Structures are given as C-alpha cells and as structure tokens.
N, C-alpha and C. Protein backbone atom coordinates (compact mmCIF):
# COMPACT_ATOMS: atom_id res chain seq x y z
N MET A 1 42.81 163.34 169.25
CA MET A 1 42.75 164.23 168.12
C MET A 1 41.35 164.84 168.08
N GLU A 2 41.24 166.13 168.29
CA GLU A 2 39.96 166.85 168.36
C GLU A 2 39.65 167.45 167.00
N ARG A 3 38.45 167.18 166.47
CA ARG A 3 38.10 167.69 165.14
C ARG A 3 36.60 167.88 165.07
N SER A 4 36.15 169.07 164.76
CA SER A 4 34.74 169.43 164.54
C SER A 4 33.84 169.00 165.69
N GLY A 5 34.30 169.17 166.90
CA GLY A 5 33.47 168.88 168.05
C GLY A 5 33.38 167.40 168.38
N THR A 6 34.02 166.53 167.61
CA THR A 6 34.01 165.11 167.93
C THR A 6 35.39 164.70 168.37
N SER A 7 35.44 163.79 169.29
CA SER A 7 36.70 163.33 169.82
C SER A 7 37.03 161.98 169.21
N LEU A 8 38.16 161.88 168.54
CA LEU A 8 38.60 160.62 167.95
C LEU A 8 39.97 160.27 168.49
N THR A 9 40.12 159.05 168.96
CA THR A 9 41.46 158.61 169.35
C THR A 9 42.20 158.26 168.08
N ARG A 10 43.51 158.19 168.19
CA ARG A 10 44.31 157.92 167.01
C ARG A 10 43.98 156.55 166.41
N GLY A 11 43.75 155.54 167.22
CA GLY A 11 43.42 154.21 166.72
C GLY A 11 42.08 154.20 166.01
N ARG A 12 41.08 154.85 166.57
CA ARG A 12 39.76 154.89 165.94
C ARG A 12 39.82 155.67 164.63
N ALA A 13 40.62 156.72 164.58
CA ALA A 13 40.74 157.51 163.35
C ALA A 13 41.33 156.66 162.24
N ASN A 14 42.39 155.88 162.56
CA ASN A 14 43.01 155.04 161.54
C ASN A 14 42.04 153.97 161.04
N LYS A 15 41.24 153.37 161.94
CA LYS A 15 40.28 152.36 161.52
C LYS A 15 39.24 152.98 160.58
N SER A 16 38.78 154.19 160.90
CA SER A 16 37.79 154.82 160.04
C SER A 16 38.39 155.18 158.68
N ILE A 17 39.66 155.53 158.65
CA ILE A 17 40.33 155.83 157.38
C ILE A 17 40.37 154.58 156.52
N PHE A 18 40.79 153.45 157.12
CA PHE A 18 40.88 152.22 156.34
C PHE A 18 39.51 151.74 155.90
N ALA A 19 38.48 152.03 156.66
CA ALA A 19 37.13 151.66 156.25
C ALA A 19 36.70 152.49 155.03
N LEU A 20 37.15 153.75 154.96
CA LEU A 20 36.78 154.61 153.84
C LEU A 20 37.60 154.33 152.58
N LEU A 21 38.82 153.84 152.76
CA LEU A 21 39.74 153.76 151.63
C LEU A 21 39.80 152.39 151.00
N HIS A 22 39.89 152.38 149.69
CA HIS A 22 40.25 151.20 148.92
C HIS A 22 41.52 151.62 148.19
N VAL A 23 42.54 150.82 148.26
CA VAL A 23 43.82 151.22 147.70
C VAL A 23 43.73 151.19 146.18
N ARG A 24 43.71 152.37 145.57
CA ARG A 24 43.67 152.54 144.12
C ARG A 24 44.55 153.72 143.75
N LYS A 25 44.95 153.75 142.50
CA LYS A 25 45.75 154.87 142.01
C LYS A 25 44.85 156.06 141.71
N ILE A 26 45.40 157.28 141.88
CA ILE A 26 44.65 158.49 141.58
C ILE A 26 44.70 158.72 140.09
N SER A 27 43.55 158.85 139.48
CA SER A 27 43.47 159.20 138.06
C SER A 27 42.07 159.70 137.80
N SER A 28 41.88 160.26 136.61
CA SER A 28 40.55 160.76 136.28
C SER A 28 39.57 159.61 136.08
N ALA A 29 40.08 158.39 135.89
CA ALA A 29 39.19 157.25 135.71
C ALA A 29 38.53 156.86 137.03
N TYR A 30 39.14 157.24 138.15
CA TYR A 30 38.61 156.91 139.46
C TYR A 30 38.31 158.17 140.25
N PRO A 31 37.17 158.81 140.03
CA PRO A 31 36.85 160.02 140.79
C PRO A 31 36.72 159.75 142.28
N GLY A 32 36.46 158.49 142.67
CA GLY A 32 36.32 158.15 144.07
C GLY A 32 37.60 158.35 144.86
N THR A 33 38.75 158.26 144.19
CA THR A 33 40.00 158.44 144.91
C THR A 33 40.19 159.88 145.36
N LYS A 34 39.60 160.83 144.63
CA LYS A 34 39.67 162.22 145.05
C LYS A 34 38.91 162.39 146.37
N ILE A 35 37.79 161.66 146.52
CA ILE A 35 37.04 161.70 147.77
C ILE A 35 37.88 161.09 148.88
N GLN A 36 38.62 160.02 148.55
CA GLN A 36 39.47 159.38 149.55
C GLN A 36 40.57 160.33 150.00
N VAL A 37 41.20 161.03 149.05
CA VAL A 37 42.24 162.00 149.41
C VAL A 37 41.64 163.08 150.30
N GLY A 38 40.45 163.54 149.94
CA GLY A 38 39.79 164.58 150.73
C GLY A 38 39.47 164.11 152.13
N SER A 39 38.98 162.87 152.28
CA SER A 39 38.62 162.38 153.61
C SER A 39 39.86 162.21 154.47
N VAL A 40 40.95 161.73 153.90
CA VAL A 40 42.19 161.58 154.67
C VAL A 40 42.78 162.94 154.98
N PHE A 41 42.70 163.86 154.02
CA PHE A 41 43.24 165.21 154.22
C PHE A 41 42.50 165.92 155.35
N ARG A 42 41.18 165.68 155.45
CA ARG A 42 40.39 166.30 156.51
C ARG A 42 40.77 165.77 157.89
N ILE A 43 41.26 164.55 157.98
CA ILE A 43 41.63 163.97 159.26
C ILE A 43 43.05 164.40 159.63
N ARG A 44 43.60 165.30 158.85
CA ARG A 44 44.90 165.92 159.12
C ARG A 44 46.07 164.93 159.06
N LYS A 45 46.09 164.15 158.01
CA LYS A 45 47.26 163.32 157.75
C LYS A 45 48.18 164.10 156.82
N ASN A 46 49.48 163.87 156.93
CA ASN A 46 50.37 164.56 156.01
C ASN A 46 50.42 163.81 154.68
N GLN A 47 51.08 164.40 153.70
CA GLN A 47 51.06 163.87 152.35
C GLN A 47 51.70 162.48 152.26
N THR A 48 52.75 162.23 153.02
CA THR A 48 53.40 160.94 153.00
C THR A 48 52.48 159.86 153.56
N GLN A 49 51.76 160.19 154.63
CA GLN A 49 50.84 159.22 155.21
C GLN A 49 49.67 158.94 154.27
N ILE A 50 49.15 159.97 153.62
CA ILE A 50 48.06 159.79 152.65
C ILE A 50 48.54 158.89 151.51
N ALA A 51 49.75 159.14 151.02
CA ALA A 51 50.31 158.34 149.93
C ALA A 51 50.45 156.88 150.35
N GLY A 52 50.89 156.66 151.57
CA GLY A 52 51.02 155.30 152.08
C GLY A 52 49.69 154.59 152.17
N LEU A 53 48.66 155.31 152.62
CA LEU A 53 47.32 154.71 152.74
C LEU A 53 46.71 154.38 151.39
N LEU A 54 46.95 155.24 150.39
CA LEU A 54 46.36 155.02 149.07
C LEU A 54 47.22 154.15 148.17
N GLY A 55 48.46 153.91 148.57
CA GLY A 55 49.34 153.08 147.76
C GLY A 55 49.90 153.78 146.55
N VAL A 56 50.11 155.09 146.63
CA VAL A 56 50.70 155.85 145.53
C VAL A 56 51.92 156.59 146.06
N HIS A 57 52.69 157.18 145.16
CA HIS A 57 53.87 157.92 145.56
C HIS A 57 53.45 159.26 146.17
N LYS A 58 54.26 159.78 147.09
CA LYS A 58 53.90 161.03 147.75
C LYS A 58 53.89 162.22 146.79
N SER A 59 54.65 162.15 145.69
CA SER A 59 54.61 163.24 144.72
C SER A 59 53.26 163.30 144.01
N THR A 60 52.58 162.16 143.88
CA THR A 60 51.25 162.14 143.26
C THR A 60 50.26 162.91 144.13
N ILE A 61 50.34 162.70 145.44
CA ILE A 61 49.46 163.41 146.38
C ILE A 61 49.80 164.89 146.36
N SER A 62 51.08 165.22 146.33
CA SER A 62 51.50 166.62 146.30
C SER A 62 50.98 167.32 145.05
N ARG A 63 51.09 166.64 143.91
CA ARG A 63 50.61 167.21 142.65
C ARG A 63 49.09 167.39 142.68
N GLU A 64 48.37 166.40 143.21
CA GLU A 64 46.91 166.49 143.31
C GLU A 64 46.50 167.68 144.17
N LEU A 65 47.16 167.86 145.31
CA LEU A 65 46.81 168.95 146.20
C LEU A 65 47.20 170.30 145.62
N SER A 66 48.37 170.38 144.98
CA SER A 66 48.80 171.67 144.44
C SER A 66 47.92 172.11 143.27
N ARG A 67 47.39 171.15 142.50
CA ARG A 67 46.53 171.50 141.38
C ARG A 67 45.12 171.88 141.83
N ASN A 68 44.64 171.28 142.91
CA ASN A 68 43.22 171.36 143.21
C ASN A 68 42.86 172.04 144.52
N VAL A 69 43.82 172.54 145.27
CA VAL A 69 43.51 173.29 146.48
C VAL A 69 43.60 174.77 146.15
N PRO A 70 42.50 175.53 146.33
CA PRO A 70 42.56 176.96 146.00
C PRO A 70 43.54 177.70 146.91
N LYS A 71 44.22 178.68 146.35
CA LYS A 71 45.22 179.45 147.10
C LYS A 71 44.59 180.59 147.89
N ARG A 72 43.49 181.15 147.37
CA ARG A 72 42.85 182.28 148.05
C ARG A 72 41.35 182.20 147.81
N GLY A 73 40.61 182.97 148.56
CA GLY A 73 39.16 182.99 148.40
C GLY A 73 38.46 182.25 149.52
N ILE A 74 37.20 181.91 149.29
CA ILE A 74 36.37 181.33 150.34
C ILE A 74 36.89 179.95 150.75
N GLY A 75 37.21 179.09 149.82
CA GLY A 75 37.66 177.74 150.16
C GLY A 75 39.15 177.59 150.16
N ALA A 76 39.88 178.65 150.52
CA ALA A 76 41.34 178.62 150.45
C ALA A 76 41.92 177.56 151.36
N LYS A 77 42.89 176.83 150.84
CA LYS A 77 43.65 175.81 151.55
C LYS A 77 42.78 174.67 152.05
N ILE A 78 41.64 174.44 151.39
CA ILE A 78 40.74 173.34 151.76
C ILE A 78 40.55 172.49 150.51
N TYR A 79 40.85 171.20 150.63
CA TYR A 79 40.67 170.27 149.52
C TYR A 79 39.23 169.77 149.52
N ILE A 80 38.49 170.03 148.45
CA ILE A 80 37.12 169.56 148.30
C ILE A 80 37.11 168.67 147.07
N ALA A 81 36.77 167.40 147.28
CA ALA A 81 36.90 166.40 146.22
C ALA A 81 36.02 166.71 145.01
N VAL A 82 34.81 167.18 145.22
CA VAL A 82 33.91 167.47 144.10
C VAL A 82 34.49 168.60 143.25
N ASN A 83 34.98 169.65 143.90
CA ASN A 83 35.59 170.76 143.17
C ASN A 83 36.86 170.30 142.45
N ALA A 84 37.62 169.41 143.08
CA ALA A 84 38.84 168.90 142.45
C ALA A 84 38.51 168.14 141.18
N GLN A 85 37.42 167.34 141.21
CA GLN A 85 37.04 166.59 140.02
C GLN A 85 36.58 167.53 138.91
N VAL A 86 35.85 168.58 139.27
CA VAL A 86 35.39 169.55 138.27
C VAL A 86 36.59 170.26 137.64
N LYS A 87 37.56 170.67 138.48
CA LYS A 87 38.76 171.33 137.96
C LYS A 87 39.52 170.41 137.01
N THR A 88 39.62 169.13 137.36
CA THR A 88 40.33 168.17 136.52
C THR A 88 39.63 168.02 135.17
N GLU A 89 38.30 167.90 135.19
CA GLU A 89 37.57 167.76 133.94
C GLU A 89 37.69 169.00 133.06
N VAL A 90 37.68 170.18 133.67
CA VAL A 90 37.84 171.43 132.91
C VAL A 90 39.24 171.49 132.31
N ARG A 91 40.26 171.10 133.10
CA ARG A 91 41.63 171.09 132.59
C ARG A 91 41.77 170.15 131.40
N HIS A 92 41.18 168.96 131.49
CA HIS A 92 41.26 168.01 130.38
C HIS A 92 40.50 168.51 129.17
N HIS A 93 39.40 169.18 129.38
CA HIS A 93 38.60 169.69 128.26
C HIS A 93 39.30 170.84 127.55
N ASP A 94 39.97 171.70 128.31
CA ASP A 94 40.55 172.92 127.75
C ASP A 94 41.97 172.75 127.22
N LYS A 95 42.61 171.62 127.48
CA LYS A 95 43.99 171.49 127.02
C LYS A 95 44.04 171.41 125.50
N PRO A 96 45.13 171.89 124.90
CA PRO A 96 45.22 171.90 123.45
C PRO A 96 45.20 170.49 122.88
N LYS A 97 44.46 170.32 121.82
CA LYS A 97 44.34 169.02 121.17
C LYS A 97 45.22 168.97 119.92
N HIS A 98 45.45 167.79 119.44
CA HIS A 98 46.26 167.59 118.24
C HIS A 98 45.57 168.19 117.02
N THR A 99 46.31 168.99 116.25
CA THR A 99 45.79 169.60 115.04
C THR A 99 46.54 169.03 113.84
N THR A 100 45.78 168.58 112.86
CA THR A 100 46.43 168.05 111.66
C THR A 100 46.71 169.18 110.68
N PHE A 101 47.74 168.98 109.90
CA PHE A 101 48.15 169.97 108.91
C PHE A 101 47.35 169.71 107.64
N SER A 102 46.14 170.27 107.56
CA SER A 102 45.22 170.01 106.47
C SER A 102 45.66 170.72 105.18
N ILE A 103 45.02 170.34 104.09
CA ILE A 103 45.33 170.94 102.79
C ILE A 103 45.01 172.44 102.80
N SER A 104 43.91 172.82 103.46
CA SER A 104 43.56 174.25 103.49
C SER A 104 44.62 175.05 104.26
N LEU A 105 45.14 174.49 105.35
CA LEU A 105 46.21 175.17 106.09
C LEU A 105 47.48 175.25 105.24
N LYS A 106 47.77 174.18 104.50
CA LYS A 106 48.96 174.18 103.63
C LYS A 106 48.85 175.24 102.54
N ASN A 107 47.65 175.36 101.95
CA ASN A 107 47.45 176.37 100.91
C ASN A 107 47.56 177.78 101.47
N GLN A 108 46.99 178.00 102.65
CA GLN A 108 47.11 179.33 103.28
C GLN A 108 48.56 179.63 103.61
N MET A 109 49.29 178.63 104.12
CA MET A 109 50.71 178.81 104.42
C MET A 109 51.47 179.17 103.14
N LYS A 110 51.17 178.48 102.05
CA LYS A 110 51.85 178.74 100.78
C LYS A 110 51.57 180.16 100.30
N ASP A 111 50.30 180.61 100.36
CA ASP A 111 49.96 181.97 99.95
C ASP A 111 50.71 183.01 100.77
N TRP A 112 50.71 182.85 102.08
CA TRP A 112 51.38 183.83 102.94
C TRP A 112 52.88 183.82 102.75
N MET A 113 53.45 182.64 102.51
CA MET A 113 54.91 182.57 102.36
C MET A 113 55.35 183.10 101.00
N VAL A 114 54.53 182.94 99.97
CA VAL A 114 54.90 183.41 98.63
C VAL A 114 54.54 184.87 98.46
N LYS A 115 53.30 185.25 98.77
CA LYS A 115 52.83 186.61 98.51
C LYS A 115 53.28 187.61 99.57
N LYS A 116 53.16 187.23 100.85
CA LYS A 116 53.50 188.15 101.93
C LYS A 116 54.92 187.96 102.45
N ARG A 117 55.61 186.92 101.94
CA ARG A 117 56.98 186.61 102.34
C ARG A 117 57.11 186.34 103.84
N TYR A 118 56.11 185.62 104.41
CA TYR A 118 56.14 185.25 105.82
C TYR A 118 57.09 184.08 106.03
N SER A 119 57.72 184.06 107.18
CA SER A 119 58.49 182.89 107.58
C SER A 119 57.54 181.90 108.25
N PRO A 120 57.96 180.65 108.45
CA PRO A 120 57.09 179.69 109.15
C PRO A 120 56.68 180.15 110.55
N ALA A 121 57.58 180.83 111.24
CA ALA A 121 57.24 181.34 112.57
C ALA A 121 56.14 182.40 112.48
N LEU A 122 56.21 183.27 111.47
CA LEU A 122 55.17 184.29 111.30
C LEU A 122 53.84 183.67 110.88
N VAL A 123 53.89 182.61 110.07
CA VAL A 123 52.66 181.94 109.66
C VAL A 123 51.95 181.36 110.88
N SER A 124 52.68 180.64 111.73
CA SER A 124 52.04 180.04 112.91
C SER A 124 51.57 181.12 113.89
N ALA A 125 52.33 182.22 113.99
CA ALA A 125 51.91 183.33 114.87
C ALA A 125 50.65 184.00 114.33
N GLN A 126 50.54 184.13 113.00
CA GLN A 126 49.35 184.74 112.40
C GLN A 126 48.13 183.85 112.62
N TRP A 127 48.30 182.55 112.50
CA TRP A 127 47.19 181.63 112.78
C TRP A 127 46.73 181.79 114.23
N LYS A 128 47.68 181.88 115.12
CA LYS A 128 47.34 182.03 116.53
C LYS A 128 46.62 183.36 116.77
N LYS A 129 47.10 184.42 116.14
CA LYS A 129 46.48 185.74 116.30
C LYS A 129 45.06 185.76 115.74
N ASP A 130 44.85 185.07 114.62
CA ASP A 130 43.53 185.03 113.98
C ASP A 130 42.58 184.03 114.64
N GLY A 131 43.08 183.26 115.60
CA GLY A 131 42.24 182.28 116.28
C GLY A 131 42.01 181.02 115.47
N ILE A 132 42.88 180.76 114.50
CA ILE A 132 42.78 179.57 113.67
C ILE A 132 43.63 178.48 114.32
N LYS A 133 43.07 177.27 114.41
CA LYS A 133 43.83 176.16 114.97
C LYS A 133 44.84 175.69 113.94
N GLY A 134 46.03 176.24 113.99
CA GLY A 134 47.08 175.88 113.05
C GLY A 134 48.09 174.97 113.69
N VAL A 135 49.22 174.84 113.04
CA VAL A 135 50.30 174.00 113.54
C VAL A 135 51.48 174.88 113.91
N SER A 136 52.45 174.31 114.58
CA SER A 136 53.61 175.08 115.04
C SER A 136 54.58 175.34 113.89
N HIS A 137 55.50 176.27 114.12
CA HIS A 137 56.49 176.57 113.09
C HIS A 137 57.42 175.38 112.84
N GLU A 138 57.66 174.55 113.90
CA GLU A 138 58.48 173.36 113.69
C GLU A 138 57.81 172.39 112.73
N CYS A 139 56.49 172.25 112.85
CA CYS A 139 55.75 171.38 111.95
C CYS A 139 55.83 171.91 110.51
N ILE A 140 55.76 173.22 110.35
CA ILE A 140 55.87 173.81 109.01
C ILE A 140 57.26 173.56 108.43
N TYR A 141 58.31 173.76 109.26
CA TYR A 141 59.68 173.50 108.79
C TYR A 141 59.85 172.02 108.40
N ASN A 142 59.29 171.12 109.20
CA ASN A 142 59.39 169.69 108.86
C ASN A 142 58.65 169.39 107.56
N PHE A 143 57.51 170.02 107.35
CA PHE A 143 56.76 169.82 106.12
C PHE A 143 57.56 170.33 104.92
N ILE A 144 58.18 171.50 105.05
CA ILE A 144 58.98 172.07 103.95
C ILE A 144 60.16 171.16 103.64
N TRP A 145 60.82 170.65 104.68
CA TRP A 145 61.96 169.76 104.48
C TRP A 145 61.50 168.50 103.76
N ASP A 146 60.34 167.97 104.17
CA ASP A 146 59.80 166.77 103.55
C ASP A 146 59.46 167.03 102.08
N CYS A 147 58.92 168.20 101.79
CA CYS A 147 58.59 168.55 100.39
C CYS A 147 59.85 168.63 99.53
N LYS A 148 60.92 169.18 100.07
CA LYS A 148 62.16 169.34 99.30
C LYS A 148 62.85 168.01 99.04
N HIS A 149 62.73 167.08 99.98
CA HIS A 149 63.53 165.86 99.89
C HIS A 149 62.74 164.63 99.43
N THR A 150 61.49 164.81 99.07
CA THR A 150 60.71 163.69 98.55
C THR A 150 60.01 164.14 97.27
N ASN A 151 59.52 163.20 96.53
CA ASN A 151 58.80 163.52 95.30
C ASN A 151 57.36 163.05 95.38
N LYS A 152 56.73 163.25 96.52
CA LYS A 152 55.33 162.88 96.65
C LYS A 152 54.49 163.81 95.78
N ARG A 153 53.55 163.22 95.07
CA ARG A 153 52.73 164.00 94.15
C ARG A 153 51.94 165.09 94.88
N ILE A 154 51.47 164.77 96.10
CA ILE A 154 50.67 165.74 96.85
C ILE A 154 51.50 166.95 97.30
N ASN A 155 52.81 166.79 97.43
CA ASN A 155 53.67 167.86 97.93
C ASN A 155 54.32 168.70 96.83
N ILE A 156 54.14 168.35 95.58
CA ILE A 156 54.79 169.07 94.48
C ILE A 156 54.42 170.55 94.45
N PRO A 157 53.15 170.97 94.69
CA PRO A 157 52.85 172.40 94.67
C PRO A 157 53.57 173.19 95.75
N PHE A 158 54.04 172.53 96.80
CA PHE A 158 54.67 173.24 97.92
C PHE A 158 56.21 173.12 97.88
N LYS A 159 56.74 172.54 96.81
CA LYS A 159 58.17 172.23 96.77
C LYS A 159 59.05 173.47 96.81
N GLY A 160 58.69 174.56 96.14
CA GLY A 160 59.57 175.72 96.10
C GLY A 160 59.09 176.87 96.97
N VAL A 161 58.34 176.59 97.99
CA VAL A 161 57.75 177.63 98.82
C VAL A 161 58.80 178.38 99.64
N TYR A 162 59.70 177.66 100.28
CA TYR A 162 60.65 178.29 101.20
C TYR A 162 62.04 177.85 100.82
N LYS A 163 62.92 178.83 100.55
CA LYS A 163 64.28 178.50 100.11
C LYS A 163 65.30 178.92 101.12
C-alpha cells in the first residue's frame, strides 16, 4: 500500500493503526476519537473497517464523515479531525435551546390574541419574525387548553383568551 511516498505493507499498516487506536465510542466527550477516525481514514480503510477498529456501528462512522467532511472547496473530501471537532462544537453551540414560556411571553401572547386577534400560530410566527425567543404554537395551544381545564390562580387572567 503506497501512501505519501512511504511504503507500508498491509501487516505493518494494521499494527500502526492498532497502536494509534484505543477502542472508544465517538462523542463530543472524546475529541481524541475524531483524531482516530482521521488517522484510520487517511490509511484508506473503508467505513466498516473503521467501525470495527473503533468498536462502534458503521452508521456512526458514516454520520461522522457525512457531517464533517467538506463537500467542496480546498479541503474537499478530506476528513481533518481538528476541523471536525470545531464543526461539532459550533453545531452544539448554535442548536436551538429550550425556551420557557415566561410571564412576559404569556402577557404578550394575550395582548396579541385579544387586541390583534392573532392565532397561536401567528403569535409564534411573529415572535420568530421579531427575533424573540418564543415558544411554538403547539406550546401555546397546550397552555390555552391547560388554562381552560384547570383553576390555577396564575392562569386565571389567560382563561378566556382563545375560544
């Protein structure tokens, strides 16, 4: 197997792979496994062989490569572990987080539904348009249903909002 001007026999390549690898699952908690995937990928192993060496399912390797190998540009079709870790951290940072249905959001929802006659879908769309971290229309419908069917003191002002 000829690679980058160095000659490696198949047996020597496998020994060097096992020397580099510690069998661990791929996750953001272990950035070292991304380096392991990259080192095995560079030695031109297929996804099933990489999965066998790392002790994970082949779909995990496929997902890792599809998320972190650029499709076009300078580093196209090349897995670089450092870039993969950066992409993973950016993805985790940018993903939508849980938003609570605060009292201020409930009051704004009530004003828009009473004065402007907005539906819950329009309220959530308006929040999205205004860049306000609101809740989904399903959450608003569930809140309205809860207000109608319970007698919680905190929900009494919102009881007749949507009929």
